[in-house]
Amino acid sequence: MKAARKPGPRAKAGVREKLLNAGMTVIEGNGYAATGISDIADAAEVAKGSFYHYFDSKETFGAAAADTYFENHWVFLTGVLEDRKLEPIERLLTYFTLRIDAFRNDGFNRGCLLGNLGLEVSDHSAVIRGHIDAHFQRWSDLVATCIEEAQRLGATSSALSANALGRHIVSSWEGAILRMRVEKSDRALIEFVEFTFNHLLKK
């Protein structure tokens, strides 16, 4: 994997972050393939040449965008799933409920950048695919930790392993988000919650 170039002498503090934040918005709206480096630079209101102070290529940028998106979401994710004031199953339900509210407020338009990128570029970029896979695994592990705690407390069945449940729940959630975008409604998300908490994680 190519390493991102170190900022040159004319690089300005915050430009990399501007490029990433603006680029993520453009990619979420237009897709990765339809987004060019000029589009990213224009959205960030920086010169196109500035892009290459920070990223060797669009692929390097795509991997960094996946990382930034996930790390931003990780703050929210851990804030809910590691909240010891709530029981573990309640933490999971709270997380998904809050995400459904956010999708409703956004008009069911953008979904999850990791999932979007995964669908679009996984067959063409091993670099970006590797970053996305690592983030999904980290997310699944956090969900599994909640489930394992619930199993120890006797709050849910131990018939299936927490790790397998964690991976299944994240995968099912991403599939529900895809259906949400196609249907432009919360039906698939609500069905996911009802099945997961009324059946899959039922005591």
N, C-alpha and C. Protein backbone atom coordinates (compact mmCIF):
# COMPACT_ATOMS: atom_id res chain seq x y z
N MET A 1 0.84 -1.19 0.00
CA MET A 1 0.00 0.00 0.00
C MET A 1 0.88 1.23 0.00
N LYS A 2 0.60 2.18 -0.88
CA LYS A 2 1.38 3.39 -0.92
C LYS A 2 1.10 4.26 0.30
N ALA A 3 2.14 4.83 0.86
CA ALA A 3 1.96 5.74 1.98
C ALA A 3 1.61 7.12 1.46
N ALA A 4 0.77 7.84 2.21
CA ALA A 4 0.43 9.20 1.83
C ALA A 4 1.67 10.06 1.89
N ARG A 5 1.80 10.99 0.95
CA ARG A 5 2.96 11.87 0.95
C ARG A 5 2.93 12.79 2.15
N LYS A 6 4.09 13.10 2.67
CA LYS A 6 4.18 14.05 3.76
C LYS A 6 3.88 15.45 3.23
N PRO A 7 3.20 16.28 4.03
CA PRO A 7 2.90 17.63 3.58
C PRO A 7 4.18 18.37 3.19
N GLY A 8 4.14 19.04 2.06
CA GLY A 8 5.28 19.82 1.60
C GLY A 8 5.39 21.13 2.34
N PRO A 9 6.34 21.95 1.97
CA PRO A 9 6.58 23.18 2.70
C PRO A 9 5.44 24.18 2.63
N ARG A 10 4.58 24.07 1.58
CA ARG A 10 3.48 25.02 1.45
C ARG A 10 2.18 24.49 2.05
N ALA A 11 2.21 23.27 2.59
CA ALA A 11 1.00 22.68 3.16
C ALA A 11 0.52 23.50 4.34
N LYS A 12 -0.78 23.67 4.44
CA LYS A 12 -1.38 24.46 5.51
C LYS A 12 -2.09 23.55 6.49
N ALA A 13 -2.02 23.91 7.76
CA ALA A 13 -2.70 23.12 8.79
C ALA A 13 -4.19 23.07 8.51
N GLY A 14 -4.77 21.90 8.61
CA GLY A 14 -6.21 21.75 8.44
C GLY A 14 -6.65 21.45 7.02
N VAL A 15 -5.75 21.57 6.03
CA VAL A 15 -6.16 21.34 4.65
C VAL A 15 -6.49 19.87 4.42
N ARG A 16 -5.71 18.97 5.01
CA ARG A 16 -5.99 17.54 4.85
C ARG A 16 -7.39 17.22 5.37
N GLU A 17 -7.72 17.77 6.53
CA GLU A 17 -9.04 17.53 7.12
C GLU A 17 -10.14 18.13 6.25
N LYS A 18 -9.89 19.32 5.67
CA LYS A 18 -10.87 19.92 4.78
C LYS A 18 -11.11 19.04 3.56
N LEU A 19 -10.03 18.52 2.99
CA LEU A 19 -10.15 17.63 1.83
C LEU A 19 -10.95 16.38 2.19
N LEU A 20 -10.65 15.78 3.33
CA LEU A 20 -11.35 14.55 3.74
C LEU A 20 -12.82 14.82 4.00
N ASN A 21 -13.12 15.86 4.76
CA ASN A 21 -14.51 16.13 5.11
C ASN A 21 -15.34 16.49 3.87
N ALA A 22 -14.77 17.35 3.02
CA ALA A 22 -15.49 17.72 1.80
C ALA A 22 -15.60 16.52 0.86
N GLY A 23 -14.52 15.76 0.75
CA GLY A 23 -14.53 14.61 -0.15
C GLY A 23 -15.52 13.55 0.27
N MET A 24 -15.65 13.31 1.57
CA MET A 24 -16.62 12.33 2.05
C MET A 24 -18.03 12.75 1.68
N THR A 25 -18.32 14.03 1.79
CA THR A 25 -19.65 14.53 1.44
C THR A 25 -19.93 14.34 -0.05
N VAL A 26 -18.93 14.65 -0.89
CA VAL A 26 -19.10 14.49 -2.33
C VAL A 26 -19.28 13.01 -2.70
N ILE A 27 -18.47 12.15 -2.10
CA ILE A 27 -18.57 10.72 -2.39
C ILE A 27 -19.92 10.17 -1.94
N GLU A 28 -20.40 10.62 -0.79
CA GLU A 28 -21.70 10.16 -0.31
C GLU A 28 -22.81 10.57 -1.27
N GLY A 29 -22.66 11.72 -1.91
CA GLY A 29 -23.69 12.20 -2.81
C GLY A 29 -23.58 11.64 -4.22
N ASN A 30 -22.34 11.51 -4.72
CA ASN A 30 -22.14 11.14 -6.12
C ASN A 30 -21.60 9.74 -6.34
N GLY A 31 -21.06 9.13 -5.28
CA GLY A 31 -20.39 7.84 -5.43
C GLY A 31 -18.91 8.04 -5.66
N TYR A 32 -18.14 7.01 -5.35
CA TYR A 32 -16.68 7.09 -5.47
C TYR A 32 -16.23 7.20 -6.92
N ALA A 33 -16.77 6.37 -7.80
CA ALA A 33 -16.33 6.34 -9.19
C ALA A 33 -16.59 7.65 -9.90
N ALA A 34 -17.71 8.29 -9.57
CA ALA A 34 -18.09 9.54 -10.25
C ALA A 34 -17.42 10.77 -9.64
N THR A 35 -16.66 10.58 -8.59
CA THR A 35 -15.99 11.70 -7.92
C THR A 35 -14.54 11.78 -8.36
N GLY A 36 -14.15 12.91 -8.89
CA GLY A 36 -12.77 13.11 -9.30
C GLY A 36 -12.00 13.93 -8.28
N ILE A 37 -10.71 13.97 -8.44
CA ILE A 37 -9.87 14.75 -7.53
C ILE A 37 -10.24 16.22 -7.60
N SER A 38 -10.56 16.71 -8.79
CA SER A 38 -10.98 18.11 -8.93
C SER A 38 -12.25 18.38 -8.14
N ASP A 39 -13.18 17.42 -8.13
CA ASP A 39 -14.42 17.58 -7.37
C ASP A 39 -14.12 17.72 -5.88
N ILE A 40 -13.18 16.91 -5.40
CA ILE A 40 -12.82 16.94 -3.99
C ILE A 40 -12.16 18.27 -3.64
N ALA A 41 -11.22 18.69 -4.48
CA ALA A 41 -10.52 19.96 -4.22
C ALA A 41 -11.49 21.14 -4.30
N ASP A 42 -12.38 21.13 -5.27
CA ASP A 42 -13.35 22.22 -5.40
C ASP A 42 -14.26 22.29 -4.18
N ALA A 43 -14.72 21.13 -3.72
CA ALA A 43 -15.61 21.10 -2.56
C ALA A 43 -14.91 21.60 -1.30
N ALA A 44 -13.60 21.32 -1.21
CA ALA A 44 -12.82 21.77 -0.06
C ALA A 44 -12.33 23.20 -0.22
N GLU A 45 -12.55 23.76 -1.42
CA GLU A 45 -12.13 25.13 -1.74
C GLU A 45 -10.62 25.29 -1.58
N VAL A 46 -9.90 24.31 -2.14
CA VAL A 46 -8.43 24.38 -2.17
C VAL A 46 -7.98 24.08 -3.59
N ALA A 47 -6.75 24.47 -3.89
CA ALA A 47 -6.20 24.20 -5.22
C ALA A 47 -6.03 22.69 -5.43
N LYS A 48 -6.26 22.24 -6.66
CA LYS A 48 -6.15 20.82 -6.95
C LYS A 48 -4.78 20.27 -6.59
N GLY A 49 -3.74 21.08 -6.82
CA GLY A 49 -2.39 20.63 -6.50
C GLY A 49 -2.18 20.34 -5.04
N SER A 50 -2.98 20.98 -4.19
CA SER A 50 -2.86 20.75 -2.75
C SER A 50 -3.21 19.32 -2.38
N PHE A 51 -4.08 18.70 -3.19
CA PHE A 51 -4.47 17.32 -2.93
C PHE A 51 -3.24 16.43 -2.83
N TYR A 52 -2.28 16.64 -3.70
CA TYR A 52 -1.12 15.75 -3.78
C TYR A 52 -0.06 16.03 -2.70
N HIS A 53 -0.27 17.07 -1.92
CA HIS A 53 0.57 17.25 -0.73
C HIS A 53 0.24 16.17 0.31
N TYR A 54 -0.99 15.64 0.24
CA TYR A 54 -1.48 14.75 1.30
C TYR A 54 -1.77 13.34 0.83
N PHE A 55 -2.12 13.17 -0.44
CA PHE A 55 -2.54 11.85 -0.93
C PHE A 55 -1.85 11.56 -2.26
N ASP A 56 -1.30 10.35 -2.37
CA ASP A 56 -0.64 9.94 -3.61
C ASP A 56 -1.62 9.73 -4.75
N SER A 57 -2.84 9.38 -4.41
CA SER A 57 -3.81 9.01 -5.44
C SER A 57 -5.21 9.09 -4.87
N LYS A 58 -6.18 8.94 -5.74
CA LYS A 58 -7.57 8.88 -5.31
C LYS A 58 -7.81 7.65 -4.43
N GLU A 59 -7.12 6.56 -4.74
CA GLU A 59 -7.27 5.35 -3.94
C GLU A 59 -6.77 5.57 -2.52
N THR A 60 -5.63 6.23 -2.38
CA THR A 60 -5.13 6.54 -1.04
C THR A 60 -6.12 7.42 -0.29
N PHE A 61 -6.70 8.38 -1.02
CA PHE A 61 -7.72 9.24 -0.41
C PHE A 61 -8.92 8.42 0.03
N GLY A 62 -9.38 7.49 -0.82
CA GLY A 62 -10.54 6.67 -0.49
C GLY A 62 -10.33 5.87 0.79
N ALA A 63 -9.12 5.32 0.95
CA ALA A 63 -8.82 4.56 2.17
C ALA A 63 -8.82 5.49 3.38
N ALA A 64 -8.25 6.69 3.23
CA ALA A 64 -8.22 7.65 4.34
C ALA A 64 -9.63 8.13 4.67
N ALA A 65 -10.46 8.29 3.66
CA ALA A 65 -11.85 8.71 3.89
C ALA A 65 -12.61 7.64 4.69
N ALA A 66 -12.39 6.38 4.34
CA ALA A 66 -13.02 5.28 5.09
C ALA A 66 -12.56 5.31 6.54
N ASP A 67 -11.27 5.55 6.75
CA ASP A 67 -10.73 5.61 8.12
C ASP A 67 -11.34 6.77 8.90
N THR A 68 -11.39 7.94 8.27
CA THR A 68 -11.92 9.13 8.94
C THR A 68 -13.39 8.96 9.28
N TYR A 69 -14.15 8.46 8.31
CA TYR A 69 -15.58 8.23 8.55
C TYR A 69 -15.78 7.30 9.74
N PHE A 70 -15.03 6.20 9.76
CA PHE A 70 -15.22 5.24 10.84
C PHE A 70 -14.78 5.79 12.18
N GLU A 71 -13.65 6.49 12.22
CA GLU A 71 -13.17 7.03 13.49
C GLU A 71 -14.14 8.08 14.03
N ASN A 72 -14.72 8.88 13.15
CA ASN A 72 -15.74 9.84 13.59
C ASN A 72 -16.94 9.12 14.19
N HIS A 73 -17.37 8.06 13.52
CA HIS A 73 -18.53 7.30 14.01
C HIS A 73 -18.18 6.51 15.27
N TRP A 74 -16.93 6.08 15.38
CA TRP A 74 -16.50 5.29 16.53
C TRP A 74 -16.72 6.04 17.84
N VAL A 75 -16.55 7.34 17.83
CA VAL A 75 -16.77 8.15 19.03
C VAL A 75 -18.22 7.99 19.50
N PHE A 76 -19.16 8.10 18.56
CA PHE A 76 -20.57 7.92 18.88
C PHE A 76 -20.87 6.47 19.27
N LEU A 77 -20.32 5.55 18.51
CA LEU A 77 -20.57 4.12 18.73
C LEU A 77 -20.13 3.69 20.13
N THR A 78 -18.92 4.03 20.50
CA THR A 78 -18.44 3.64 21.83
C THR A 78 -19.14 4.41 22.94
N GLY A 79 -19.55 5.65 22.63
CA GLY A 79 -20.27 6.44 23.62
C GLY A 79 -21.56 5.77 24.04
N VAL A 80 -22.19 5.05 23.10
CA VAL A 80 -23.44 4.35 23.41
C VAL A 80 -23.17 2.93 23.91
N LEU A 81 -22.35 2.17 23.19
CA LEU A 81 -22.17 0.76 23.52
C LEU A 81 -21.28 0.52 24.74
N GLU A 82 -20.58 1.54 25.20
CA GLU A 82 -19.78 1.40 26.41
C GLU A 82 -20.36 2.20 27.57
N ASP A 83 -21.61 2.60 27.44
CA ASP A 83 -22.29 3.36 28.49
C ASP A 83 -22.76 2.41 29.58
N ARG A 84 -22.03 2.35 30.68
CA ARG A 84 -22.31 1.39 31.73
C ARG A 84 -23.56 1.73 32.54
N LYS A 85 -24.17 2.87 32.27
CA LYS A 85 -25.43 3.19 32.95
C LYS A 85 -26.58 2.37 32.36
N LEU A 86 -26.35 1.80 31.19
CA LEU A 86 -27.37 0.99 30.53
C LEU A 86 -26.96 -0.48 30.52
N GLU A 87 -27.94 -1.36 30.54
CA GLU A 87 -27.68 -2.78 30.38
C GLU A 87 -27.20 -3.04 28.95
N PRO A 88 -26.43 -4.10 28.71
CA PRO A 88 -25.82 -4.30 27.38
C PRO A 88 -26.81 -4.38 26.23
N ILE A 89 -27.92 -5.10 26.39
CA ILE A 89 -28.90 -5.18 25.31
C ILE A 89 -29.55 -3.82 25.08
N GLU A 90 -29.78 -3.09 26.17
CA GLU A 90 -30.35 -1.75 26.05
C GLU A 90 -29.41 -0.81 25.30
N ARG A 91 -28.10 -0.99 25.51
CA ARG A 91 -27.13 -0.17 24.77
C ARG A 91 -27.26 -0.41 23.28
N LEU A 92 -27.32 -1.68 22.90
CA LEU A 92 -27.45 -2.01 21.48
C LEU A 92 -28.73 -1.44 20.89
N LEU A 93 -29.84 -1.61 21.59
CA LEU A 93 -31.12 -1.10 21.09
C LEU A 93 -31.08 0.42 20.98
N THR A 94 -30.47 1.08 21.95
CA THR A 94 -30.36 2.54 21.91
C THR A 94 -29.56 2.99 20.70
N TYR A 95 -28.46 2.30 20.44
CA TYR A 95 -27.62 2.67 19.29
C TYR A 95 -28.41 2.60 17.99
N PHE A 96 -29.07 1.47 17.75
CA PHE A 96 -29.79 1.31 16.49
C PHE A 96 -30.98 2.27 16.40
N THR A 97 -31.64 2.52 17.51
CA THR A 97 -32.76 3.47 17.52
C THR A 97 -32.29 4.87 17.16
N LEU A 98 -31.17 5.29 17.71
CA LEU A 98 -30.63 6.61 17.40
C LEU A 98 -30.21 6.70 15.93
N ARG A 99 -29.65 5.63 15.40
CA ARG A 99 -29.24 5.64 13.99
C ARG A 99 -30.47 5.70 13.07
N ILE A 100 -31.53 5.01 13.43
CA ILE A 100 -32.75 5.08 12.62
C ILE A 100 -33.30 6.50 12.62
N ASP A 101 -33.30 7.15 13.78
CA ASP A 101 -33.75 8.55 13.86
C ASP A 101 -32.92 9.44 12.95
N ALA A 102 -31.60 9.21 12.93
CA ALA A 102 -30.71 10.02 12.09
C ALA A 102 -31.00 9.79 10.61
N PHE A 103 -31.25 8.54 10.22
CA PHE A 103 -31.57 8.25 8.82
C PHE A 103 -32.90 8.89 8.41
N ARG A 104 -33.87 8.87 9.31
CA ARG A 104 -35.15 9.53 9.02
C ARG A 104 -34.93 11.02 8.78
N ASN A 105 -34.16 11.64 9.65
CA ASN A 105 -33.92 13.08 9.54
C ASN A 105 -33.18 13.43 8.25
N ASP A 106 -32.40 12.48 7.73
CA ASP A 106 -31.63 12.71 6.49
C ASP A 106 -32.43 12.31 5.24
N GLY A 107 -33.66 11.87 5.44
CA GLY A 107 -34.48 11.50 4.29
C GLY A 107 -34.09 10.19 3.64
N PHE A 108 -33.38 9.32 4.42
CA PHE A 108 -32.97 7.99 3.92
C PHE A 108 -32.07 8.09 2.69
N ASN A 109 -31.23 9.10 2.64
CA ASN A 109 -30.47 9.37 1.41
C ASN A 109 -29.06 8.81 1.38
N ARG A 110 -28.30 8.92 2.47
CA ARG A 110 -26.87 8.67 2.36
C ARG A 110 -26.41 7.32 2.89
N GLY A 111 -27.08 6.78 3.85
CA GLY A 111 -26.69 5.48 4.37
C GLY A 111 -25.35 5.50 5.08
N CYS A 112 -24.57 4.44 4.91
CA CYS A 112 -23.28 4.26 5.58
C CYS A 112 -22.17 4.34 4.52
N LEU A 113 -21.23 5.24 4.71
CA LEU A 113 -20.15 5.40 3.72
C LEU A 113 -19.33 4.13 3.57
N LEU A 114 -19.10 3.39 4.67
CA LEU A 114 -18.34 2.14 4.57
C LEU A 114 -19.06 1.15 3.65
N GLY A 115 -20.35 1.01 3.87
CA GLY A 115 -21.12 0.10 3.03
C GLY A 115 -21.16 0.54 1.58
N ASN A 116 -21.34 1.86 1.37
CA ASN A 116 -21.37 2.39 0.01
C ASN A 116 -20.06 2.14 -0.71
N LEU A 117 -18.95 2.45 -0.04
CA LEU A 117 -17.64 2.22 -0.64
C LEU A 117 -17.39 0.73 -0.89
N GLY A 118 -17.79 -0.08 0.09
CA GLY A 118 -17.59 -1.52 -0.04
C GLY A 118 -18.27 -2.08 -1.26
N LEU A 119 -19.51 -1.66 -1.50
CA LEU A 119 -20.26 -2.14 -2.67
C LEU A 119 -19.62 -1.67 -3.97
N GLU A 120 -19.09 -0.45 -3.95
CA GLU A 120 -18.62 0.16 -5.19
C GLU A 120 -17.20 -0.23 -5.58
N VAL A 121 -16.31 -0.38 -4.60
CA VAL A 121 -14.89 -0.51 -4.97
C VAL A 121 -14.22 -1.80 -4.52
N SER A 122 -14.91 -2.65 -3.78
CA SER A 122 -14.25 -3.85 -3.24
C SER A 122 -13.66 -4.75 -4.31
N ASP A 123 -14.27 -4.79 -5.48
CA ASP A 123 -13.75 -5.63 -6.56
C ASP A 123 -12.59 -4.98 -7.31
N HIS A 124 -12.34 -3.71 -7.02
CA HIS A 124 -11.34 -2.97 -7.79
C HIS A 124 -10.19 -2.43 -6.97
N SER A 125 -10.33 -2.35 -5.66
CA SER A 125 -9.27 -1.78 -4.83
C SER A 125 -9.05 -2.63 -3.58
N ALA A 126 -7.97 -3.40 -3.59
CA ALA A 126 -7.63 -4.19 -2.41
C ALA A 126 -7.28 -3.30 -1.23
N VAL A 127 -6.73 -2.13 -1.52
CA VAL A 127 -6.34 -1.20 -0.46
C VAL A 127 -7.56 -0.73 0.32
N ILE A 128 -8.54 -0.18 -0.38
CA ILE A 128 -9.74 0.33 0.28
C ILE A 128 -10.51 -0.82 0.92
N ARG A 129 -10.60 -1.95 0.22
CA ARG A 129 -11.30 -3.11 0.77
C ARG A 129 -10.70 -3.54 2.10
N GLY A 130 -9.38 -3.54 2.20
CA GLY A 130 -8.73 -3.94 3.44
C GLY A 130 -9.07 -3.01 4.60
N HIS A 131 -9.11 -1.72 4.33
CA HIS A 131 -9.46 -0.75 5.37
C HIS A 131 -10.91 -0.96 5.83
N ILE A 132 -11.81 -1.12 4.88
CA ILE A 132 -13.23 -1.30 5.23
C ILE A 132 -13.43 -2.59 6.01
N ASP A 133 -12.79 -3.66 5.59
CA ASP A 133 -12.92 -4.95 6.29
C ASP A 133 -12.46 -4.83 7.74
N ALA A 134 -11.35 -4.12 7.97
CA ALA A 134 -10.85 -3.95 9.33
C ALA A 134 -11.84 -3.16 10.18
N HIS A 135 -12.48 -2.15 9.60
CA HIS A 135 -13.44 -1.36 10.36
C HIS A 135 -14.70 -2.16 10.70
N PHE A 136 -15.18 -2.94 9.73
CA PHE A 136 -16.34 -3.78 10.00
C PHE A 136 -16.03 -4.78 11.11
N GLN A 137 -14.82 -5.34 11.09
CA GLN A 137 -14.44 -6.31 12.13
C GLN A 137 -14.38 -5.64 13.49
N ARG A 138 -13.81 -4.46 13.55
CA ARG A 138 -13.73 -3.73 14.83
C ARG A 138 -15.12 -3.42 15.37
N TRP A 139 -16.01 -3.04 14.49
CA TRP A 139 -17.40 -2.75 14.86
C TRP A 139 -18.09 -4.03 15.34
N SER A 140 -17.91 -5.12 14.61
CA SER A 140 -18.50 -6.40 15.01
C SER A 140 -17.99 -6.85 16.37
N ASP A 141 -16.70 -6.64 16.63
CA ASP A 141 -16.12 -7.02 17.92
C ASP A 141 -16.74 -6.24 19.07
N LEU A 142 -17.03 -4.96 18.84
CA LEU A 142 -17.64 -4.15 19.90
C LEU A 142 -19.06 -4.62 20.19
N VAL A 143 -19.82 -4.93 19.13
CA VAL A 143 -21.17 -5.48 19.32
C VAL A 143 -21.08 -6.82 20.05
N ALA A 144 -20.12 -7.64 19.67
CA ALA A 144 -19.94 -8.95 20.31
C ALA A 144 -19.62 -8.79 21.80
N THR A 145 -18.86 -7.77 22.16
CA THR A 145 -18.53 -7.53 23.57
C THR A 145 -19.79 -7.25 24.38
N CYS A 146 -20.71 -6.47 23.82
CA CYS A 146 -21.99 -6.20 24.49
C CYS A 146 -22.80 -7.49 24.66
N ILE A 147 -22.84 -8.28 23.59
CA ILE A 147 -23.61 -9.52 23.64
C ILE A 147 -23.00 -10.50 24.64
N GLU A 148 -21.68 -10.59 24.66
CA GLU A 148 -21.00 -11.48 25.61
C GLU A 148 -21.32 -11.07 27.05
N GLU A 149 -21.35 -9.78 27.30
CA GLU A 149 -21.70 -9.30 28.64
C GLU A 149 -23.14 -9.67 28.98
N ALA A 150 -24.04 -9.51 28.02
CA ALA A 150 -25.44 -9.88 28.24
C ALA A 150 -25.58 -11.37 28.50
N GLN A 151 -24.80 -12.18 27.80
CA GLN A 151 -24.83 -13.63 28.02
C GLN A 151 -24.35 -13.98 29.43
N ARG A 152 -23.30 -13.32 29.88
CA ARG A 152 -22.81 -13.58 31.25
C ARG A 152 -23.84 -13.21 32.30
N LEU A 153 -24.61 -12.16 32.02
CA LEU A 153 -25.63 -11.70 32.95
C LEU A 153 -26.92 -12.51 32.84
N GLY A 154 -26.99 -13.39 31.86
CA GLY A 154 -28.21 -14.17 31.64
C GLY A 154 -29.32 -13.39 30.99
N ALA A 155 -28.95 -12.25 30.34
CA ALA A 155 -29.96 -11.40 29.72
C ALA A 155 -30.30 -11.82 28.30
N THR A 156 -29.50 -12.72 27.73
CA THR A 156 -29.78 -13.25 26.40
C THR A 156 -29.22 -14.66 26.31
N SER A 157 -29.69 -15.42 25.35
CA SER A 157 -29.27 -16.81 25.20
C SER A 157 -27.79 -16.91 24.85
N SER A 158 -27.17 -18.00 25.32
CA SER A 158 -25.78 -18.28 24.99
C SER A 158 -25.67 -19.41 23.96
N ALA A 159 -26.78 -19.70 23.27
CA ALA A 159 -26.79 -20.79 22.31
C ALA A 159 -25.85 -20.52 21.13
N LEU A 160 -25.69 -19.27 20.77
CA LEU A 160 -24.79 -18.88 19.68
C LEU A 160 -23.65 -18.06 20.25
N SER A 161 -22.49 -18.12 19.61
CA SER A 161 -21.35 -17.37 20.12
C SER A 161 -21.57 -15.88 19.92
N ALA A 162 -21.04 -15.09 20.85
CA ALA A 162 -21.16 -13.64 20.77
C ALA A 162 -20.48 -13.11 19.52
N ASN A 163 -19.36 -13.70 19.14
CA ASN A 163 -18.64 -13.23 17.95
C ASN A 163 -19.46 -13.45 16.68
N ALA A 164 -20.07 -14.62 16.58
CA ALA A 164 -20.90 -14.91 15.40
C ALA A 164 -22.10 -13.97 15.36
N LEU A 165 -22.71 -13.71 16.50
CA LEU A 165 -23.85 -12.80 16.56
C LEU A 165 -23.43 -11.38 16.21
N GLY A 166 -22.27 -10.97 16.69
CA GLY A 166 -21.79 -9.63 16.39
C GLY A 166 -21.61 -9.42 14.89
N ARG A 167 -20.98 -10.39 14.23
CA ARG A 167 -20.77 -10.29 12.78
C ARG A 167 -22.12 -10.31 12.04
N HIS A 168 -23.02 -11.18 12.47
CA HIS A 168 -24.32 -11.28 11.81
C HIS A 168 -25.11 -9.99 11.95
N ILE A 169 -25.10 -9.40 13.13
CA ILE A 169 -25.88 -8.19 13.37
C ILE A 169 -25.36 -7.03 12.53
N VAL A 170 -24.06 -6.85 12.48
CA VAL A 170 -23.50 -5.76 11.66
C VAL A 170 -23.80 -5.99 10.18
N SER A 171 -23.65 -7.23 9.72
CA SER A 171 -23.93 -7.53 8.32
C SER A 171 -25.41 -7.30 8.00
N SER A 172 -26.29 -7.73 8.89
CA SER A 172 -27.73 -7.56 8.67
C SER A 172 -28.12 -6.08 8.68
N TRP A 173 -27.50 -5.32 9.55
CA TRP A 173 -27.76 -3.89 9.62
C TRP A 173 -27.35 -3.20 8.32
N GLU A 174 -26.19 -3.55 7.80
CA GLU A 174 -25.74 -2.95 6.54
C GLU A 174 -26.69 -3.33 5.40
N GLY A 175 -27.19 -4.55 5.41
CA GLY A 175 -28.16 -4.96 4.39
C GLY A 175 -29.46 -4.18 4.53
N ALA A 176 -29.88 -3.94 5.77
CA ALA A 176 -31.11 -3.17 6.01
C ALA A 176 -30.95 -1.73 5.52
N ILE A 177 -29.74 -1.18 5.68
CA ILE A 177 -29.49 0.19 5.20
C ILE A 177 -29.61 0.24 3.68
N LEU A 178 -29.11 -0.78 3.00
CA LEU A 178 -29.23 -0.83 1.54
C LEU A 178 -30.70 -0.85 1.13
N ARG A 179 -31.50 -1.69 1.78
CA ARG A 179 -32.93 -1.73 1.48
C ARG A 179 -33.59 -0.39 1.79
N MET A 180 -33.16 0.24 2.88
CA MET A 180 -33.69 1.55 3.26
C MET A 180 -33.51 2.56 2.12
N ARG A 181 -32.31 2.56 1.53
CA ARG A 181 -32.02 3.53 0.47
C ARG A 181 -32.83 3.24 -0.79
N VAL A 182 -33.03 1.96 -1.06
CA VAL A 182 -33.82 1.58 -2.24
C VAL A 182 -35.29 1.95 -2.03
N GLU A 183 -35.81 1.67 -0.84
CA GLU A 183 -37.23 1.87 -0.56
C GLU A 183 -37.56 3.29 -0.09
N LYS A 184 -36.50 4.04 0.34
CA LYS A 184 -36.69 5.38 0.89
C LYS A 184 -37.70 5.37 2.04
N SER A 185 -37.50 4.39 2.92
CA SER A 185 -38.35 4.29 4.11
C SER A 185 -37.58 3.56 5.20
N ASP A 186 -38.14 3.58 6.40
CA ASP A 186 -37.48 2.93 7.53
C ASP A 186 -37.95 1.49 7.75
N ARG A 187 -38.72 0.95 6.80
CA ARG A 187 -39.30 -0.38 7.00
C ARG A 187 -38.24 -1.44 7.28
N ALA A 188 -37.20 -1.51 6.46
CA ALA A 188 -36.17 -2.53 6.64
C ALA A 188 -35.43 -2.36 7.96
N LEU A 189 -35.24 -1.12 8.38
CA LEU A 189 -34.56 -0.87 9.65
C LEU A 189 -35.41 -1.32 10.83
N ILE A 190 -36.70 -1.04 10.76
CA ILE A 190 -37.62 -1.46 11.83
C ILE A 190 -37.69 -2.98 11.88
N GLU A 191 -37.75 -3.62 10.71
CA GLU A 191 -37.78 -5.09 10.67
C GLU A 191 -36.50 -5.67 11.26
N PHE A 192 -35.36 -5.03 10.97
CA PHE A 192 -34.09 -5.48 11.55
C PHE A 192 -34.16 -5.42 13.08
N VAL A 193 -34.62 -4.32 13.61
CA VAL A 193 -34.69 -4.16 15.08
C VAL A 193 -35.63 -5.18 15.69
N GLU A 194 -36.80 -5.35 15.08
CA GLU A 194 -37.80 -6.28 15.64
C GLU A 194 -37.26 -7.71 15.65
N PHE A 195 -36.63 -8.15 14.56
CA PHE A 195 -36.11 -9.51 14.52
C PHE A 195 -34.93 -9.68 15.47
N THR A 196 -34.03 -8.71 15.47
CA THR A 196 -32.82 -8.83 16.29
C THR A 196 -33.15 -8.88 17.77
N PHE A 197 -34.03 -7.99 18.23
CA PHE A 197 -34.26 -7.88 19.67
C PHE A 197 -35.45 -8.72 20.16
N ASN A 198 -36.38 -9.06 19.29
CA ASN A 198 -37.51 -9.89 19.71
C ASN A 198 -37.28 -11.38 19.49
N HIS A 199 -36.27 -11.72 18.70
CA HIS A 199 -36.01 -13.11 18.40
C HIS A 199 -34.53 -13.49 18.61
N LEU A 200 -33.63 -12.86 17.86
CA LEU A 200 -32.23 -13.25 17.88
C LEU A 200 -31.59 -13.09 19.26
N LEU A 201 -31.87 -11.97 19.92
CA LEU A 201 -31.25 -11.71 21.24
C LEU A 201 -32.22 -11.92 22.39
N LYS A 202 -33.33 -12.57 22.10
CA LYS A 202 -34.30 -12.84 23.15
C LYS A 202 -33.73 -13.82 24.17
N LYS A 203 -34.04 -13.63 25.43
CA LYS A 203 -33.51 -14.48 26.50
C LYS A 203 -34.03 -15.90 26.36
